[in-house]
C-alpha atoms as a PDB file:
ATOM      1  CA  MET A   1     102.419 112.834 112.093  1.00  0.00           C
ATOM      2  CA  LYS A   2     101.931 109.109 111.652  1.00  0.00           C
ATOM      3  CA  ILE A   3      99.851 107.591 108.884  1.00  0.00           C
ATOM      4  CA  VAL A   4      99.165 103.906 108.457  1.00  0.00           C
ATOM      5  CA  LEU A   5      99.956 102.585 104.977  1.00  0.00           C
ATOM      6  CA  ALA A   6      97.298 100.113 103.928  1.00  0.00           C
ATOM      7  CA  SER A   7      99.838  97.837 102.295  1.00  0.00           C
ATOM      8  CA  ASN A   8     102.414  95.262 103.347  1.00  0.00           C
ATOM      9  CA  ASN A   9     104.562  95.900 100.276  1.00  0.00           C
ATOM     10  CA  ALA A  10     108.028  97.033 101.405  1.00  0.00           C
ATOM     11  CA  GLY A  11     108.757  98.512  97.986  1.00  0.00           C
ATOM     12  CA  LYS A  12     105.676 100.722  98.110  1.00  0.00           C
ATOM     13  CA  LEU A  13     106.494 101.806 101.661  1.00  0.00           C
ATOM     14  CA  ALA A  14     110.023 102.872 100.720  1.00  0.00           C
ATOM     15  CA  GLU A  15     108.893 104.725  97.594  1.00  0.00           C
ATOM     16  CA  LEU A  16     106.010 106.543  99.262  1.00  0.00           C
ATOM     17  CA  GLN A  17     108.066 107.470 102.327  1.00  0.00           C
ATOM     18  CA  THR A  18     110.579 109.137 100.008  1.00  0.00           C
ATOM     19  CA  LEU A  19     107.986 110.775  97.783  1.00  0.00           C
ATOM     20  CA  LEU A  20     106.006 112.193 100.695  1.00  0.00           C
ATOM     21  CA  ALA A  21     109.075 113.245 102.714  1.00  0.00           C
ATOM     22  CA  PRO A  22     108.194 116.978 102.549  1.00  0.00           C
ATOM     23  CA  LEU A  23     105.210 116.265 104.823  1.00  0.00           C
ATOM     24  CA  LYS A  24     107.583 115.127 107.580  1.00  0.00           C
ATOM     25  CA  MET A  25     105.252 112.259 108.424  1.00  0.00           C
ATOM     26  CA  THR A  26     105.984 108.646 109.185  1.00  0.00           C
ATOM     27  CA  LEU A  27     104.321 105.874 107.223  1.00  0.00           C
ATOM     28  CA  VAL A  28     103.646 102.725 109.254  1.00  0.00           C
ATOM     29  CA  ARG A  29     102.873  99.504 107.412  1.00  0.00           C
ATOM     30  CA  GLN A  30      99.589  97.997 108.545  1.00  0.00           C
ATOM     31  CA  SER A  31     101.288  94.665 109.245  1.00  0.00           C
ATOM     32  CA  GLU A  32     103.301  96.385 111.989  1.00  0.00           C
ATOM     33  CA  LEU A  33      99.969  97.132 113.686  1.00  0.00           C
ATOM     34  CA  ASN A  34      98.669  93.587 113.143  1.00  0.00           C
ATOM     35  CA  ILE A  35      96.059  94.829 110.700  1.00  0.00           C
ATOM     36  CA  PRO A  36      95.043  92.167 108.160  1.00  0.00           C
ATOM     37  CA  GLU A  37      94.732  93.021 104.489  1.00  0.00           C
ATOM     38  CA  ALA A  38      91.351  94.346 103.408  1.00  0.00           C
ATOM     39  CA  ALA A  39      89.136  92.660 100.857  1.00  0.00           C
ATOM     40  CA  GLU A  40      89.444  94.156  97.370  1.00  0.00           C
ATOM     41  CA  PRO A  41      86.234  93.101  95.614  1.00  0.00           C
ATOM     42  CA  PHE A  42      85.939  96.041  93.249  1.00  0.00           C
ATOM     43  CA  LYS A  43      86.805  96.458  89.572  1.00  0.00           C
ATOM     44  CA  THR A  44      88.342  99.934  89.782  1.00  0.00           C
ATOM     45  CA  PHE A  45      91.529 101.165  91.432  1.00  0.00           C
ATOM     46  CA  VAL A  46      89.808 103.998  93.288  1.00  0.00           C
ATOM     47  CA  GLU A  47      87.157 101.783  94.907  1.00  0.00           C
ATOM     48  CA  ASN A  48      89.732  99.271  96.102  1.00  0.00           C
ATOM     49  CA  ALA A  49      92.088 101.952  97.408  1.00  0.00           C
ATOM     50  CA  LEU A  50      89.251 103.614  99.311  1.00  0.00           C
ATOM     51  CA  ALA A  51      88.192 100.292 100.845  1.00  0.00           C
ATOM     52  CA  LYS A  52      91.776  99.595 101.952  1.00  0.00           C
ATOM     53  CA  ALA A  53      92.245 103.067 103.424  1.00  0.00           C
ATOM     54  CA  ARG A  54      88.982 102.953 105.399  1.00  0.00           C
ATOM     55  CA  HIS A  55      89.788  99.440 106.656  1.00  0.00           C
ATOM     56  CA  ALA A  56      93.234 100.476 107.925  1.00  0.00           C
ATOM     57  CA  ALA A  57      91.903 103.668 109.518  1.00  0.00           C
ATOM     58  CA  GLN A  58      89.084 101.769 111.228  1.00  0.00           C
ATOM     59  CA  LEU A  59      91.400  99.203 112.811  1.00  0.00           C
ATOM     60  CA  SER A  60      94.229 101.597 113.692  1.00  0.00           C
ATOM     61  CA  GLY A  61      92.355 104.722 114.745  1.00  0.00           C
ATOM     62  CA  MET A  62      94.896 106.637 112.641  1.00  0.00           C
ATOM     63  CA  PRO A  63      94.798 108.478 109.322  1.00  0.00           C
ATOM     64  CA  ALA A  64      95.430 106.026 106.496  1.00  0.00           C
ATOM     65  CA  LEU A  65      96.901 106.022 103.014  1.00  0.00           C
ATOM     66  CA  ALA A  66      96.224 103.312 100.463  1.00  0.00           C
ATOM     67  CA  ASP A  67      97.591 102.685  97.004  1.00  0.00           C
ATOM     68  CA  ASP A  68      95.921 100.528  94.403  1.00  0.00           C
ATOM     69  CA  ALA A  69      98.026 100.202  91.312  1.00  0.00           C
ATOM     70  CA  GLY A  70      98.207  98.003  88.298  1.00  0.00           C
ATOM     71  CA  LEU A  71      99.133  97.372  84.726  1.00  0.00           C
ATOM     72  CA  CYS A  72      96.601  98.035  81.970  1.00  0.00           C
ATOM     73  CA  VAL A  73      97.715  96.398  78.713  1.00  0.00           C
ATOM     74  CA  ASP A  74      96.127  97.720  75.527  1.00  0.00           C
ATOM     75  CA  ALA A  75      96.285  94.354  73.763  1.00  0.00           C
ATOM     76  CA  PHE A  76      94.440  92.742  76.677  1.00  0.00           C
ATOM     77  CA  GLY A  77      91.608  95.290  76.779  1.00  0.00           C
ATOM     78  CA  GLY A  78      93.068  97.026  79.840  1.00  0.00           C
ATOM     79  CA  GLN A  79      93.729  93.867  81.798  1.00  0.00           C
ATOM     80  CA  PRO A  80      95.045  92.764  84.269  1.00  0.00           C
ATOM     81  CA  GLY A  81      94.107  96.091  85.927  1.00  0.00           C
ATOM     82  CA  VAL A  82      93.060  95.675  89.552  1.00  0.00           C
ATOM     83  CA  ASP A  83      94.058  91.997  89.416  1.00  0.00           C
ATOM     84  CA  THR A  84      97.686  92.778  88.540  1.00  0.00           C
ATOM     85  CA  ALA A  85      99.136  91.396  91.798  1.00  0.00           C
ATOM     86  CA  TYR A  86      97.596  87.991  91.011  1.00  0.00           C
ATOM     87  CA  TYR A  87      98.303  88.027  87.278  1.00  0.00           C
ATOM     88  CA  ALA A  88     100.736  85.083  87.344  1.00  0.00           C
ATOM     89  CA  THR A  89      98.236  82.830  89.124  1.00  0.00           C
ATOM     90  CA  ARG A  90      95.999  82.900  86.028  1.00  0.00           C
ATOM     91  CA  PHE A  91      98.631  80.851  84.243  1.00  0.00           C
ATOM     92  CA  GLY A  92      99.590  78.379  86.945  1.00  0.00           C
ATOM     93  CA  TYR A  93     102.455  80.350  88.490  1.00  0.00           C
ATOM     94  CA  PRO A  94     102.668  81.239  92.194  1.00  0.00           C
ATOM     95  CA  LYS A  95     101.879  84.844  93.117  1.00  0.00           C
ATOM     96  CA  GLY A  96     104.926  87.116  92.978  1.00  0.00           C
ATOM     97  CA  ASP A  97     106.664  89.941  91.170  1.00  0.00           C
ATOM     98  CA  ASP A  98     109.048  87.723  89.220  1.00  0.00           C
ATOM     99  CA  THR A  99     106.371  85.252  88.173  1.00  0.00           C
ATOM    100  CA  ASN A 100     104.130  88.147  87.096  1.00  0.00           C
ATOM    101  CA  VAL A 101     106.865  89.325  84.732  1.00  0.00           C
ATOM    102  CA  THR A 102     107.419  85.786  83.445  1.00  0.00           C
ATOM    103  CA  ALA A 103     103.714  85.346  82.755  1.00  0.00           C
ATOM    104  CA  LEU A 104     103.409  88.729  81.043  1.00  0.00           C
ATOM    105  CA  LEU A 105     106.355  88.108  78.727  1.00  0.00           C
ATOM    106  CA  ALA A 106     104.932  84.712  77.795  1.00  0.00           C
ATOM    107  CA  GLN A 107     101.484  86.138  77.042  1.00  0.00           C
ATOM    108  CA  MET A 108     102.954  89.004  74.995  1.00  0.00           C
ATOM    109  CA  GLN A 109     104.896  86.724  72.635  1.00  0.00           C
ATOM    110  CA  GLY A 110     103.959  87.476  69.039  1.00  0.00           C
ATOM    111  CA  ILE A 111     101.928  90.586  69.933  1.00  0.00           C
ATOM    112  CA  ALA A 112     102.991  93.710  68.062  1.00  0.00           C
ATOM    113  CA  ASN A 113     101.024  96.235  70.148  1.00  0.00           C
ATOM    114  CA  ARG A 114     103.080  96.452  73.328  1.00  0.00           C
ATOM    115  CA  ARG A 115     101.588  99.687  74.649  1.00  0.00           C
ATOM    116  CA  ALA A 116     100.408  99.696  78.251  1.00  0.00           C
ATOM    117  CA  ALA A 117      99.725 102.070  81.112  1.00  0.00           C
ATOM    118  CA  MET A 118     100.895 101.808  84.695  1.00  0.00           C
ATOM    119  CA  VAL A 119      98.269 103.354  86.954  1.00  0.00           C
ATOM    120  CA  SER A 120      98.490 104.294  90.627  1.00  0.00           C
ATOM    121  CA  THR A 121      95.556 105.568  92.655  1.00  0.00           C
ATOM    122  CA  LEU A 122      96.312 106.925  96.121  1.00  0.00           C
ATOM    123  CA  VAL A 123      93.517 107.501  98.634  1.00  0.00           C
ATOM    124  CA  ALA A 124      94.010 109.115 102.041  1.00  0.00           C
ATOM    125  CA  VAL A 125      91.454 109.394 104.832  1.00  0.00           C
ATOM    126  CA  ARG A 126      91.661 111.188 108.175  1.00  0.00           C
ATOM    127  CA  SER A 127      89.419 108.539 109.726  1.00  0.00           C
ATOM    128  CA  ALA A 128      87.372 105.538 108.641  1.00  0.00           C
ATOM    129  CA  ASN A 129      84.333 107.788 108.186  1.00  0.00           C
ATOM    130  CA  ASP A 130      86.073 110.679 106.467  1.00  0.00           C
ATOM    131  CA  PRO A 131      83.455 112.144 104.084  1.00  0.00           C
ATOM    132  CA  GLU A 132      86.120 113.816 101.953  1.00  0.00           C
ATOM    133  CA  PRO A 133      88.860 111.322 101.088  1.00  0.00           C
ATOM    134  CA  LEU A 134      91.827 112.671  99.171  1.00  0.00           C
ATOM    135  CA  ILE A 135      92.206 110.963  95.789  1.00  0.00           C
ATOM    136  CA  ALA A 136      95.243 111.276  93.523  1.00  0.00           C
ATOM    137  CA  VAL A 137      95.860 109.372  90.302  1.00  0.00           C
ATOM    138  CA  GLY A 138      99.136 108.899  88.459  1.00  0.00           C
ATOM    139  CA  ARG A 139      99.392 107.317  85.028  1.00  0.00           C
ATOM    140  CA  VAL A 140     102.311 106.677  82.722  1.00  0.00           C
ATOM    141  CA  VAL A 141     102.284 105.117  79.265  1.00  0.00           C
ATOM    142  CA  VAL A 142     104.987 102.520  78.631  1.00  0.00           C
ATOM    143  CA  GLN A 143     106.080  99.898  76.131  1.00  0.00           C
ATOM    144  CA  ILE A 144     106.479  96.296  77.306  1.00  0.00           C
ATOM    145  CA  THR A 145     109.964  95.065  76.456  1.00  0.00           C
ATOM    146  CA  PRO A 146     110.499  91.500  75.166  1.00  0.00           C
ATOM    147  CA  GLU A 147     112.909  90.697  77.992  1.00  0.00           C
ATOM    148  CA  ARG A 148     113.916  91.947  81.433  1.00  0.00           C
ATOM    149  CA  ARG A 149     116.233  94.950  81.575  1.00  0.00           C
ATOM    150  CA  GLY A 150     117.772  96.446  84.720  1.00  0.00           C
ATOM    151  CA  THR A 151     117.862  95.471  88.383  1.00  0.00           C
ATOM    152  CA  ASN A 152     116.343  98.433  90.235  1.00  0.00           C
ATOM    153  CA  GLY A 153     112.779  98.745  91.480  1.00  0.00           C
ATOM    154  CA  PHE A 154     110.197  96.008  91.866  1.00  0.00           C
ATOM    155  CA  GLY A 155     107.065  94.626  90.228  1.00  0.00           C
ATOM    156  CA  PHE A 156     106.987  95.013  86.454  1.00  0.00           C
ATOM    157  CA  ASP A 157     109.799  97.611  86.463  1.00  0.00           C
ATOM    158  CA  PRO A 158     112.235  95.425  84.438  1.00  0.00           C
ATOM    159  CA  VAL A 159     109.882  95.273  81.431  1.00  0.00           C
ATOM    160  CA  MET A 160     108.287  98.749  81.577  1.00  0.00           C
ATOM    161  CA  LEU A 161     110.090 100.924  78.999  1.00  0.00           C
ATOM    162  CA  LEU A 162     109.685 104.701  79.177  1.00  0.00           C
ATOM    163  CA  PRO A 163     109.969 105.905  75.555  1.00  0.00           C
ATOM    164  CA  GLU A 164     111.320 109.335  76.565  1.00  0.00           C
ATOM    165  CA  PHE A 165     114.306 107.708  78.282  1.00  0.00           C
ATOM    166  CA  GLY A 166     114.664 104.587  76.158  1.00  0.00           C
ATOM    167  CA  LYS A 167     115.071 102.691  79.430  1.00  0.00           C
ATOM    168  CA  THR A 168     112.953 100.547  81.706  1.00  0.00           C
ATOM    169  CA  PHE A 169     112.048 101.713  85.193  1.00  0.00           C
ATOM    170  CA  ALA A 170     114.509  99.096  86.485  1.00  0.00           C
ATOM    171  CA  GLU A 171     117.333 100.753  84.520  1.00  0.00           C
ATOM    172  CA  LEU A 172     116.691 104.212  85.958  1.00  0.00           C
ATOM    173  CA  PRO A 173     118.110 105.620  89.211  1.00  0.00           C
ATOM    174  CA  PRO A 174     115.434 105.683  91.943  1.00  0.00           C
ATOM    175  CA  GLU A 175     115.174 109.480  91.937  1.00  0.00           C
ATOM    176  CA  VAL A 176     114.518 109.539  88.182  1.00  0.00           C
ATOM    177  CA  LYS A 177     112.009 106.711  88.430  1.00  0.00           C
ATOM    178  CA  ASN A 178     110.172 108.428  91.286  1.00  0.00           C
ATOM    179  CA  ALA A 179     109.890 111.632  89.288  1.00  0.00           C
ATOM    180  CA  HIS A 180     108.333 109.901  86.285  1.00  0.00           C
ATOM    181  CA  SER A 181     106.557 106.774  87.526  1.00  0.00           C
ATOM    182  CA  HIS A 182     102.823 106.334  87.967  1.00  0.00           C
ATOM    183  CA  ARG A 183     103.270 106.169  91.752  1.00  0.00           C
ATOM    184  CA  GLY A 184     105.577 109.181  91.687  1.00  0.00           C
ATOM    185  CA  ARG A 185     102.996 111.234  89.808  1.00  0.00           C
ATOM    186  CA  ALA A 186     100.208 110.129  92.140  1.00  0.00           C
ATOM    187  CA  ALA A 187     102.357 110.928  95.191  1.00  0.00           C
ATOM    188  CA  GLN A 188     103.160 114.409  93.884  1.00  0.00           C
ATOM    189  CA  ALA A 189      99.435 115.077  93.477  1.00  0.00           C
ATOM    190  CA  MET A 190      98.686 113.602  96.925  1.00  0.00           C
ATOM    191  CA  LEU A 191     101.415 115.729  98.498  1.00  0.00           C
ATOM    192  CA  ALA A 192      99.772 118.857  97.119  1.00  0.00           C
ATOM    193  CA  LEU A 193      96.345 117.737  98.342  1.00  0.00           C
ATOM    194  CA  MET A 194      97.580 116.954 101.854  1.00  0.00           C
ATOM    195  CA  LEU A 195      99.354 120.300 102.123  1.00  0.00           C
ATOM    196  CA  GLU A 196      96.217 122.095 100.951  1.00  0.00           C
ATOM    197  CA  ARG A 197      93.556 120.139 102.848  1.00  0.00           C
ATOM    198  CA  TRP A 198      95.200 118.559 105.884  1.00  0.00           C
ATOM    199  CA  LEU A 199      98.107 120.794 106.781  1.00  0.00           C
ATOM    200  CA  ASP A 200      98.950 124.459 106.895  1.00  0.00           C
ATOM    201  CA  SER A 201      99.869 125.083 103.269  1.00  0.00           C
ATOM    202  CA  ALA A 202     102.445 127.610 104.388  1.00  0.00           C
ATOM    203  CA  ALA A 203     104.361 124.950 106.322  1.00  0.00           C
ATOM    204  CA  PRO A 204     107.114 122.969 104.590  1.00  0.00           C
END
């Protein structure tokens, strides 16, 4: 079974391919099918993920999976939220994972409340007009560290500290991160939904 991933992010592709391995399906990045990125005009993760999934399914004729994820910082009233990917550009930096971390650390200087949530919303559709999209949400509460720690992962992983481990996502082995991350939790829920709704639940 092939499903188009409505993302061009190689890190997301690798993580989701691993997390959804029990389905024995192949995720294909939309860029490999010459599908342009969809507009993301909405203010919630679920609306943007649904728009991306429908867009990819419409242009590919295949089932599609989309992930909209972001960082919600308590001290910033839940921002940057759906605008996380462009966070650095608010402060004059170019768009990118490393510049996002640089901007966040700069904005967090002197702030005592360093609590935040990483949120991942996965949406899967069988077709562009699927009336019953599958929706799975994963959320993990973290503390923002004052400096980068670790070299694994991508995005904000080097500054996202999991209190139960005392380590950032970037300091954890991939299998441990996947079991406890926001995307890992969303993928586990999506896996269960796909097995129940799309596939024979008795099949591996």
